[in-house]
Amino acid sequence: MAFCAFRFQLATACDSQCSSCRSPGRWSARRALELVLDWAELHQGELLKDWDSCQQHEQPADIAPLQ
């Protein structure tokens, strides 16, 4: 649930700040944000494990990149 709230806040902030960032033939900042958030949602478990590792000053594991 917290991730969904974070996602909504970030998307709202991006929409209000980046509405003029769009240019023809390129991804909008909003679309790029949506892709990153979708990736983060798919890898939420891995991200949380990596966060715990970092909190313990350990090396985080690799996570598959956005494709």
Protein backbone atom coordinates (compact mmCIF):
# COMPACT_ATOMS: atom_id res chain seq x y z
CA MET A 1 0.00 0.00 0.00
CA ALA A 2 2.82 2.42 0.82
CA PHE A 3 4.34 1.85 -2.62
CA CYS A 4 1.02 2.73 -4.27
CA ALA A 5 0.81 5.97 -2.26
CA PHE A 6 4.40 6.84 -3.18
CA ARG A 7 3.67 6.09 -6.83
CA PHE A 8 0.62 8.36 -6.82
CA GLN A 9 2.52 11.22 -5.15
CA LEU A 10 5.44 10.94 -7.57
CA ALA A 11 3.18 10.76 -10.62
CA THR A 12 1.20 13.77 -9.41
CA ALA A 13 4.38 15.78 -8.83
CA CYS A 14 5.75 14.82 -12.24
CA ASP A 15 2.51 15.75 -13.95
CA SER A 16 2.46 19.19 -12.37
CA GLN A 17 6.18 19.86 -12.87
CA CYS A 18 6.79 18.27 -16.27
CA SER A 19 3.72 19.16 -18.31
CA SER A 20 5.92 21.33 -20.57
CA CYS A 21 8.68 18.68 -20.91
CA ARG A 22 7.00 16.88 -23.81
CA SER A 23 8.44 17.14 -27.29
CA PRO A 24 7.18 15.42 -30.47
CA GLY A 25 8.82 12.10 -31.27
CA ARG A 26 10.22 11.58 -27.80
CA TRP A 27 8.96 9.98 -24.64
CA SER A 28 7.43 12.41 -22.24
CA ALA A 29 8.88 12.69 -18.76
CA ARG A 30 5.54 11.37 -17.54
CA ARG A 31 5.79 8.22 -19.71
CA ALA A 32 9.36 7.61 -18.60
CA LEU A 33 8.26 7.90 -14.97
CA GLU A 34 5.41 5.45 -15.59
CA LEU A 35 7.84 2.91 -17.06
CA VAL A 36 10.22 3.23 -14.12
CA LEU A 37 7.37 2.89 -11.62
CA ASP A 38 6.03 -0.17 -13.43
CA TRP A 39 9.52 -1.70 -13.29
CA ALA A 40 9.79 -0.86 -9.57
CA GLU A 41 6.43 -2.47 -8.89
CA LEU A 42 7.51 -5.67 -10.66
CA HIS A 43 10.74 -5.77 -8.67
CA GLN A 44 9.39 -4.47 -5.37
CA GLY A 45 10.50 -7.54 -3.39
CA GLU A 46 14.02 -7.34 -4.79
CA LEU A 47 14.18 -3.60 -4.14
CA LEU A 48 13.13 -4.10 -0.52
CA LYS A 49 15.79 -6.79 -0.03
CA ASP A 50 18.40 -4.49 -1.55
CA TRP A 51 17.25 -1.67 0.71
CA ASP A 52 17.71 -3.92 3.74
CA SER A 53 21.18 -4.91 2.50
CA CYS A 54 22.17 -1.27 2.09
CA GLN A 55 20.88 -0.46 5.56
CA GLN A 56 23.28 -3.12 6.87
CA HIS A 57 26.14 -1.69 4.76
CA GLU A 58 26.11 -4.75 2.50
CA GLN A 59 26.33 -4.86 -1.28
CA PRO A 60 22.86 -4.92 -2.90
CA ALA A 61 22.04 -7.71 -5.35
CA ASP A 62 21.67 -7.03 -9.06
CA ILE A 63 18.15 -6.45 -10.37
CA ALA A 64 17.18 -6.97 -14.01
CA PRO A 65 17.12 -3.64 -15.86
CA LEU A 66 14.12 -2.03 -17.49
CA GLN A 67 13.64 -3.44 -20.98
